[in-house]
Amino acid sequence: MKKIAIGCDPNAAAEKEVVKKVLSDLGYECEDYGSTDPIYANVAFAVAEAVAAGKHDRGILMCGTGIGMSIAANKVNGAYAALCTDAYSTERSILSNNANIMCLGAFTLGIEPIKYLVKTWMSVTWQSGTKSEGKVQRYKDYDNEHIKK
């Protein structure tokens, strides 16, 4: 995995630049989907659509709390966005849920926790054949059954 989509609202512009540096240092290529649109859903939709289409392996979205980005991104079929607030849930977002988009809160976390959570999230890989596979497959099946046109 090498291609990461990243975007945020104006509240998280400074944090996004730090995350881009962290990702670059880890060897990942980033495509920046912006930070100036005050309607954060527009950025969330752009990142989620690109990730769901396979243009990027994963996405990272940030706003003040990460909640709005998570809600918006999860409207896109094939996008599985998780609000990451601690190390355990960050790991489980992939290990138990196969999330492909990480959402972070610039106001709620601070830069050092954000850097740590990004490094944690990028170090974890989904493993098929676990007891979570059937659960994850169910929401992927639901997406396929309800494809929005």
N, C-alpha and C. Protein backbone atom coordinates (compact mmCIF):
# COMPACT_ATOMS: atom_id res chain seq x y z
N MET A 1 0.85 -1.18 0.00
CA MET A 1 0.00 0.00 0.00
C MET A 1 0.89 1.24 0.00
N LYS A 2 0.63 2.09 -0.95
CA LYS A 2 1.46 3.29 -1.06
C LYS A 2 0.69 4.58 -1.27
N LYS A 3 -0.56 4.52 -1.73
CA LYS A 3 -1.28 5.74 -2.11
C LYS A 3 -2.36 6.08 -1.10
N ILE A 4 -2.24 7.27 -0.51
CA ILE A 4 -3.16 7.71 0.53
C ILE A 4 -3.81 9.02 0.10
N ALA A 5 -5.14 9.09 0.19
CA ALA A 5 -5.88 10.32 -0.05
C ALA A 5 -6.02 11.04 1.28
N ILE A 6 -5.87 12.35 1.28
CA ILE A 6 -5.98 13.10 2.52
C ILE A 6 -6.74 14.40 2.26
N GLY A 7 -7.56 14.78 3.22
CA GLY A 7 -8.30 16.02 3.10
C GLY A 7 -8.83 16.46 4.45
N CYS A 8 -9.22 17.71 4.52
CA CYS A 8 -9.72 18.25 5.79
C CYS A 8 -10.54 19.50 5.52
N ASP A 9 -11.13 20.02 6.59
CA ASP A 9 -11.77 21.32 6.51
C ASP A 9 -10.76 22.37 7.00
N PRO A 10 -11.10 23.66 6.95
CA PRO A 10 -10.14 24.68 7.37
C PRO A 10 -9.68 24.53 8.83
N ASN A 11 -10.48 23.90 9.68
CA ASN A 11 -10.11 23.73 11.08
C ASN A 11 -8.90 22.82 11.29
N ALA A 12 -8.61 21.98 10.33
CA ALA A 12 -7.54 20.99 10.49
C ALA A 12 -6.43 21.14 9.46
N ALA A 13 -6.34 22.29 8.82
CA ALA A 13 -5.35 22.49 7.75
C ALA A 13 -3.92 22.31 8.25
N ALA A 14 -3.59 22.85 9.40
CA ALA A 14 -2.22 22.72 9.93
C ALA A 14 -1.91 21.27 10.27
N GLU A 15 -2.87 20.58 10.88
CA GLU A 15 -2.67 19.17 11.24
C GLU A 15 -2.50 18.30 9.98
N LYS A 16 -3.24 18.63 8.93
CA LYS A 16 -3.13 17.87 7.68
C LYS A 16 -1.71 17.94 7.14
N GLU A 17 -1.09 19.09 7.20
CA GLU A 17 0.28 19.23 6.70
C GLU A 17 1.25 18.37 7.50
N VAL A 18 1.05 18.29 8.79
CA VAL A 18 1.89 17.44 9.64
C VAL A 18 1.67 15.97 9.29
N VAL A 19 0.42 15.57 9.10
CA VAL A 19 0.12 14.18 8.74
C VAL A 19 0.73 13.83 7.39
N LYS A 20 0.69 14.74 6.44
CA LYS A 20 1.33 14.48 5.15
C LYS A 20 2.82 14.21 5.32
N LYS A 21 3.47 14.94 6.20
CA LYS A 21 4.91 14.73 6.46
C LYS A 21 5.13 13.37 7.11
N VAL A 22 4.29 13.00 8.07
CA VAL A 22 4.39 11.69 8.73
C VAL A 22 4.26 10.58 7.68
N LEU A 23 3.27 10.70 6.82
CA LEU A 23 3.05 9.69 5.79
C LEU A 23 4.22 9.62 4.82
N SER A 24 4.74 10.75 4.42
CA SER A 24 5.90 10.78 3.53
C SER A 24 7.10 10.11 4.19
N ASP A 25 7.32 10.41 5.46
CA ASP A 25 8.43 9.79 6.19
C ASP A 25 8.28 8.27 6.29
N LEU A 26 7.03 7.79 6.28
CA LEU A 26 6.76 6.35 6.34
C LEU A 26 6.82 5.71 4.94
N GLY A 27 6.99 6.52 3.91
CA GLY A 27 7.11 5.99 2.56
C GLY A 27 5.83 5.97 1.76
N TYR A 28 4.82 6.70 2.19
CA TYR A 28 3.55 6.74 1.49
C TYR A 28 3.45 7.97 0.60
N GLU A 29 2.78 7.81 -0.52
CA GLU A 29 2.48 8.90 -1.43
C GLU A 29 1.10 9.44 -1.08
N CYS A 30 0.98 10.75 -0.95
CA CYS A 30 -0.30 11.38 -0.60
C CYS A 30 -0.84 12.19 -1.76
N GLU A 31 -2.15 12.13 -1.92
CA GLU A 31 -2.83 13.08 -2.80
C GLU A 31 -3.71 13.93 -1.91
N ASP A 32 -3.50 15.23 -1.96
CA ASP A 32 -4.19 16.17 -1.10
C ASP A 32 -5.48 16.64 -1.78
N TYR A 33 -6.61 16.39 -1.12
CA TYR A 33 -7.90 16.78 -1.65
C TYR A 33 -8.38 18.12 -1.08
N GLY A 34 -7.50 18.83 -0.42
CA GLY A 34 -7.79 20.19 -0.01
C GLY A 34 -8.15 20.38 1.45
N SER A 35 -8.23 21.68 1.80
CA SER A 35 -8.54 22.06 3.17
C SER A 35 -9.25 23.40 3.26
N THR A 36 -9.60 23.98 2.14
CA THR A 36 -10.19 25.32 2.19
C THR A 36 -11.71 25.34 2.14
N ASP A 37 -12.34 24.24 1.75
CA ASP A 37 -13.80 24.22 1.63
C ASP A 37 -14.43 24.14 3.02
N PRO A 38 -15.19 25.16 3.42
CA PRO A 38 -15.82 25.12 4.74
C PRO A 38 -16.94 24.08 4.83
N ILE A 39 -17.41 23.61 3.68
CA ILE A 39 -18.40 22.53 3.66
C ILE A 39 -17.61 21.23 3.62
N TYR A 40 -17.25 20.73 4.80
CA TYR A 40 -16.35 19.58 4.90
C TYR A 40 -16.86 18.36 4.15
N ALA A 41 -18.17 18.25 3.98
CA ALA A 41 -18.72 17.09 3.28
C ALA A 41 -18.19 16.99 1.85
N ASN A 42 -17.93 18.12 1.21
CA ASN A 42 -17.41 18.08 -0.16
C ASN A 42 -16.05 17.39 -0.22
N VAL A 43 -15.19 17.69 0.72
CA VAL A 43 -13.87 17.04 0.79
C VAL A 43 -14.04 15.57 1.16
N ALA A 44 -14.90 15.30 2.12
CA ALA A 44 -15.14 13.91 2.54
C ALA A 44 -15.63 13.06 1.38
N PHE A 45 -16.58 13.60 0.62
CA PHE A 45 -17.10 12.84 -0.53
C PHE A 45 -16.00 12.59 -1.56
N ALA A 46 -15.17 13.59 -1.84
CA ALA A 46 -14.11 13.43 -2.84
C ALA A 46 -13.11 12.36 -2.42
N VAL A 47 -12.68 12.39 -1.17
CA VAL A 47 -11.74 11.38 -0.66
C VAL A 47 -12.40 10.00 -0.65
N ALA A 48 -13.61 9.92 -0.13
CA ALA A 48 -14.30 8.63 -0.02
C ALA A 48 -14.55 8.02 -1.40
N GLU A 49 -14.95 8.83 -2.37
CA GLU A 49 -15.17 8.30 -3.71
C GLU A 49 -13.88 7.79 -4.33
N ALA A 50 -12.78 8.49 -4.12
CA ALA A 50 -11.49 8.06 -4.67
C ALA A 50 -11.02 6.76 -4.02
N VAL A 51 -11.19 6.64 -2.71
CA VAL A 51 -10.79 5.42 -2.01
C VAL A 51 -11.70 4.26 -2.44
N ALA A 52 -13.00 4.49 -2.46
CA ALA A 52 -13.95 3.43 -2.84
C ALA A 52 -13.71 2.95 -4.27
N ALA A 53 -13.26 3.84 -5.14
CA ALA A 53 -13.00 3.49 -6.54
C ALA A 53 -11.64 2.80 -6.72
N GLY A 54 -10.84 2.73 -5.65
CA GLY A 54 -9.55 2.08 -5.74
C GLY A 54 -8.42 2.97 -6.22
N LYS A 55 -8.66 4.25 -6.34
CA LYS A 55 -7.60 5.19 -6.76
C LYS A 55 -6.54 5.30 -5.67
N HIS A 56 -6.97 5.16 -4.43
CA HIS A 56 -6.06 5.21 -3.28
C HIS A 56 -6.32 3.99 -2.41
N ASP A 57 -5.30 3.55 -1.70
CA ASP A 57 -5.45 2.39 -0.84
C ASP A 57 -6.22 2.73 0.44
N ARG A 58 -5.99 3.91 0.95
CA ARG A 58 -6.67 4.38 2.16
C ARG A 58 -6.84 5.89 2.09
N GLY A 59 -7.67 6.41 2.99
CA GLY A 59 -7.86 7.85 3.08
C GLY A 59 -7.80 8.31 4.52
N ILE A 60 -7.44 9.56 4.70
CA ILE A 60 -7.44 10.19 6.03
C ILE A 60 -8.17 11.51 5.90
N LEU A 61 -9.17 11.71 6.77
CA LEU A 61 -9.97 12.92 6.79
C LEU A 61 -9.91 13.55 8.18
N MET A 62 -9.88 14.88 8.22
CA MET A 62 -9.83 15.58 9.50
C MET A 62 -10.74 16.81 9.47
N CYS A 63 -11.37 17.04 10.61
CA CYS A 63 -12.11 18.28 10.85
C CYS A 63 -11.95 18.56 12.34
N GLY A 64 -12.76 19.42 12.90
CA GLY A 64 -12.62 19.75 14.31
C GLY A 64 -12.73 18.54 15.22
N THR A 65 -13.74 17.70 14.99
CA THR A 65 -13.94 16.50 15.83
C THR A 65 -13.72 15.20 15.07
N GLY A 66 -13.76 15.24 13.76
CA GLY A 66 -13.70 14.02 12.94
C GLY A 66 -15.07 13.39 12.72
N ILE A 67 -16.05 13.82 13.48
CA ILE A 67 -17.38 13.22 13.41
C ILE A 67 -18.06 13.53 12.07
N GLY A 68 -18.07 14.79 11.69
CA GLY A 68 -18.72 15.18 10.45
C GLY A 68 -18.09 14.52 9.24
N MET A 69 -16.77 14.45 9.22
CA MET A 69 -16.08 13.79 8.11
C MET A 69 -16.46 12.32 8.04
N SER A 70 -16.55 11.68 9.20
CA SER A 70 -16.91 10.26 9.25
C SER A 70 -18.32 10.04 8.73
N ILE A 71 -19.26 10.86 9.16
CA ILE A 71 -20.64 10.73 8.70
C ILE A 71 -20.72 10.92 7.20
N ALA A 72 -20.08 11.97 6.69
CA ALA A 72 -20.14 12.25 5.26
C ALA A 72 -19.47 11.15 4.44
N ALA A 73 -18.29 10.73 4.83
CA ALA A 73 -17.56 9.70 4.07
C ALA A 73 -18.35 8.40 4.01
N ASN A 74 -19.03 8.06 5.09
CA ASN A 74 -19.78 6.80 5.13
C ASN A 74 -21.04 6.82 4.27
N LYS A 75 -21.36 7.93 3.66
CA LYS A 75 -22.47 8.00 2.71
C LYS A 75 -22.09 7.40 1.36
N VAL A 76 -20.80 7.24 1.11
CA VAL A 76 -20.30 6.76 -0.18
C VAL A 76 -20.18 5.23 -0.13
N ASN A 77 -20.84 4.55 -1.08
CA ASN A 77 -20.73 3.09 -1.15
C ASN A 77 -19.27 2.69 -1.32
N GLY A 78 -18.85 1.73 -0.52
CA GLY A 78 -17.48 1.24 -0.59
C GLY A 78 -16.50 2.01 0.27
N ALA A 79 -16.96 3.07 0.91
CA ALA A 79 -16.13 3.82 1.84
C ALA A 79 -16.50 3.38 3.25
N TYR A 80 -15.49 3.03 4.03
CA TYR A 80 -15.71 2.57 5.40
C TYR A 80 -14.83 3.42 6.32
N ALA A 81 -15.42 4.51 6.80
CA ALA A 81 -14.70 5.50 7.59
C ALA A 81 -14.90 5.25 9.08
N ALA A 82 -13.79 5.33 9.80
CA ALA A 82 -13.83 5.13 11.25
C ALA A 82 -13.26 6.35 11.95
N LEU A 83 -13.96 6.83 12.96
CA LEU A 83 -13.45 7.89 13.81
C LEU A 83 -12.45 7.26 14.77
N CYS A 84 -11.21 7.69 14.69
CA CYS A 84 -10.13 7.12 15.50
C CYS A 84 -9.74 8.09 16.61
N THR A 85 -9.91 7.65 17.85
CA THR A 85 -9.66 8.52 19.00
C THR A 85 -8.65 7.96 19.98
N ASP A 86 -8.31 6.68 19.84
CA ASP A 86 -7.35 6.04 20.74
C ASP A 86 -6.68 4.90 20.00
N ALA A 87 -5.59 4.39 20.55
CA ALA A 87 -4.80 3.37 19.86
C ALA A 87 -5.58 2.08 19.62
N TYR A 88 -6.34 1.63 20.61
CA TYR A 88 -7.05 0.37 20.46
C TYR A 88 -8.11 0.44 19.35
N SER A 89 -8.96 1.47 19.39
CA SER A 89 -10.00 1.56 18.36
C SER A 89 -9.38 1.83 16.99
N THR A 90 -8.27 2.50 16.95
CA THR A 90 -7.57 2.74 15.68
C THR A 90 -7.12 1.41 15.08
N GLU A 91 -6.50 0.56 15.87
CA GLU A 91 -6.10 -0.77 15.38
C GLU A 91 -7.30 -1.59 14.97
N ARG A 92 -8.33 -1.59 15.81
CA ARG A 92 -9.51 -2.42 15.55
C ARG A 92 -10.30 -1.92 14.34
N SER A 93 -10.17 -0.64 14.01
CA SER A 93 -10.89 -0.13 12.83
C SER A 93 -10.50 -0.91 11.58
N ILE A 94 -9.29 -1.42 11.57
CA ILE A 94 -8.85 -2.26 10.45
C ILE A 94 -8.97 -3.74 10.80
N LEU A 95 -8.44 -4.15 11.94
CA LEU A 95 -8.42 -5.57 12.28
C LEU A 95 -9.81 -6.18 12.40
N SER A 96 -10.77 -5.43 12.96
CA SER A 96 -12.13 -5.95 13.13
C SER A 96 -13.10 -5.45 12.08
N ASN A 97 -12.79 -4.31 11.43
CA ASN A 97 -13.78 -3.67 10.57
C ASN A 97 -13.30 -3.37 9.15
N ASN A 98 -12.04 -3.56 8.88
CA ASN A 98 -11.48 -3.32 7.54
C ASN A 98 -11.80 -1.92 7.03
N ALA A 99 -11.69 -0.93 7.91
CA ALA A 99 -11.92 0.46 7.52
C ALA A 99 -10.88 0.88 6.47
N ASN A 100 -11.31 1.71 5.52
CA ASN A 100 -10.37 2.20 4.54
C ASN A 100 -10.18 3.72 4.63
N ILE A 101 -10.87 4.35 5.57
CA ILE A 101 -10.71 5.78 5.81
C ILE A 101 -10.65 6.03 7.31
N MET A 102 -9.64 6.77 7.70
CA MET A 102 -9.45 7.17 9.10
C MET A 102 -9.92 8.61 9.24
N CYS A 103 -10.71 8.89 10.28
CA CYS A 103 -11.16 10.25 10.57
C CYS A 103 -10.60 10.68 11.92
N LEU A 104 -10.11 11.91 11.95
CA LEU A 104 -9.46 12.44 13.15
C LEU A 104 -9.99 13.83 13.48
N GLY A 105 -9.98 14.17 14.76
CA GLY A 105 -10.41 15.48 15.22
C GLY A 105 -9.24 16.36 15.61
N ALA A 106 -9.07 17.45 14.91
CA ALA A 106 -7.97 18.37 15.21
C ALA A 106 -8.16 19.05 16.56
N PHE A 107 -9.41 19.36 16.93
CA PHE A 107 -9.67 20.04 18.20
C PHE A 107 -9.68 19.08 19.38
N THR A 108 -9.95 17.82 19.13
CA THR A 108 -10.15 16.87 20.23
C THR A 108 -8.91 16.05 20.55
N LEU A 109 -7.93 16.01 19.64
CA LEU A 109 -6.78 15.12 19.85
C LEU A 109 -5.47 15.85 20.12
N GLY A 110 -5.13 16.84 19.36
CA GLY A 110 -3.81 17.45 19.45
C GLY A 110 -2.85 16.76 18.49
N ILE A 111 -1.79 17.44 18.14
CA ILE A 111 -0.92 16.97 17.07
C ILE A 111 -0.14 15.70 17.43
N GLU A 112 0.37 15.57 18.62
CA GLU A 112 1.13 14.36 18.95
C GLU A 112 0.26 13.10 18.94
N PRO A 113 -0.93 13.13 19.54
CA PRO A 113 -1.81 11.96 19.40
C PRO A 113 -2.19 11.68 17.95
N ILE A 114 -2.41 12.71 17.15
CA ILE A 114 -2.74 12.50 15.74
C ILE A 114 -1.60 11.77 15.05
N LYS A 115 -0.38 12.23 15.25
CA LYS A 115 0.78 11.58 14.62
C LYS A 115 0.88 10.12 15.06
N TYR A 116 0.69 9.87 16.34
CA TYR A 116 0.76 8.50 16.86
C TYR A 116 -0.33 7.62 16.25
N LEU A 117 -1.55 8.13 16.19
CA LEU A 117 -2.66 7.34 15.65
C LEU A 117 -2.48 7.06 14.16
N VAL A 118 -1.97 8.02 13.41
CA VAL A 118 -1.71 7.80 11.99
C VAL A 118 -0.67 6.70 11.81
N LYS A 119 0.41 6.77 12.58
CA LYS A 119 1.45 5.73 12.50
C LYS A 119 0.87 4.36 12.89
N THR A 120 0.05 4.34 13.90
CA THR A 120 -0.59 3.09 14.34
C THR A 120 -1.47 2.54 13.24
N TRP A 121 -2.34 3.39 12.67
CA TRP A 121 -3.29 2.95 11.64
C TRP A 121 -2.58 2.43 10.40
N MET A 122 -1.52 3.10 10.03
CA MET A 122 -0.78 2.69 8.84
C MET A 122 0.01 1.40 9.06
N SER A 123 0.21 1.01 10.30
CA SER A 123 0.99 -0.21 10.58
C SER A 123 0.13 -1.47 10.62
N VAL A 124 -1.20 -1.31 10.53
CA VAL A 124 -2.12 -2.43 10.68
C VAL A 124 -2.69 -2.82 9.32
N THR A 125 -2.83 -4.12 9.10
CA THR A 125 -3.37 -4.64 7.85
C THR A 125 -4.50 -5.62 8.14
N TRP A 126 -5.56 -5.52 7.36
CA TRP A 126 -6.70 -6.44 7.46
C TRP A 126 -6.23 -7.86 7.17
N GLN A 127 -6.71 -8.81 7.94
CA GLN A 127 -6.40 -10.22 7.73
C GLN A 127 -7.70 -10.97 7.45
N SER A 128 -7.78 -11.58 6.29
CA SER A 128 -8.96 -12.38 6.00
C SER A 128 -8.90 -13.67 6.80
N GLY A 129 -10.04 -14.30 6.93
CA GLY A 129 -10.11 -15.57 7.64
C GLY A 129 -10.31 -15.45 9.15
N THR A 130 -10.50 -14.24 9.64
CA THR A 130 -10.74 -14.05 11.07
C THR A 130 -12.24 -14.11 11.36
N LYS A 131 -12.60 -14.10 12.63
CA LYS A 131 -14.02 -14.15 12.99
C LYS A 131 -14.76 -12.87 12.58
N SER A 132 -14.03 -11.83 12.25
CA SER A 132 -14.66 -10.58 11.80
C SER A 132 -15.03 -10.59 10.33
N GLU A 133 -14.51 -11.52 9.57
CA GLU A 133 -14.70 -11.50 8.12
C GLU A 133 -16.17 -11.53 7.71
N GLY A 134 -16.97 -12.37 8.34
CA GLY A 134 -18.39 -12.46 8.00
C GLY A 134 -19.13 -11.17 8.30
N LYS A 135 -18.76 -10.51 9.37
CA LYS A 135 -19.40 -9.24 9.74
C LYS A 135 -19.07 -8.16 8.72
N VAL A 136 -17.81 -8.10 8.35
CA VAL A 136 -17.37 -7.11 7.36
C VAL A 136 -18.01 -7.40 6.01
N GLN A 137 -18.05 -8.67 5.64
CA GLN A 137 -18.65 -9.03 4.35
C GLN A 137 -20.11 -8.62 4.30
N ARG A 138 -20.81 -8.68 5.43
CA ARG A 138 -22.22 -8.31 5.44
C ARG A 138 -22.42 -6.85 5.05
N TYR A 139 -21.61 -5.93 5.58
CA TYR A 139 -21.86 -4.55 5.18
C TYR A 139 -21.34 -4.25 3.79
N LYS A 140 -20.38 -5.01 3.31
CA LYS A 140 -19.98 -4.88 1.90
C LYS A 140 -21.10 -5.39 0.99
N ASP A 141 -21.72 -6.50 1.37
CA ASP A 141 -22.85 -7.03 0.61
C ASP A 141 -24.00 -6.01 0.60
N TYR A 142 -24.26 -5.40 1.74
CA TYR A 142 -25.32 -4.39 1.82
C TYR A 142 -25.03 -3.25 0.86
N ASP A 143 -23.79 -2.79 0.82
CA ASP A 143 -23.41 -1.74 -0.13
C ASP A 143 -23.74 -2.18 -1.56
N ASN A 144 -23.37 -3.41 -1.90
CA ASN A 144 -23.60 -3.90 -3.25
C ASN A 144 -25.09 -4.05 -3.56
N GLU A 145 -25.87 -4.38 -2.56
CA GLU A 145 -27.32 -4.51 -2.75
C GLU A 145 -28.00 -3.15 -2.90
N HIS A 146 -27.36 -2.10 -2.40
CA HIS A 146 -27.99 -0.78 -2.38
C HIS A 146 -27.13 0.27 -3.06
N ILE A 147 -26.57 -0.08 -4.17
CA ILE A 147 -25.71 0.85 -4.89
C ILE A 147 -26.52 2.08 -5.29
N LYS A 148 -25.98 3.23 -4.90
CA LYS A 148 -26.64 4.50 -5.24
C LYS A 148 -26.25 4.89 -6.65
N LYS A 149 -27.19 5.42 -7.38
CA LYS A 149 -26.91 5.83 -8.76
C LYS A 149 -26.88 7.31 -8.89
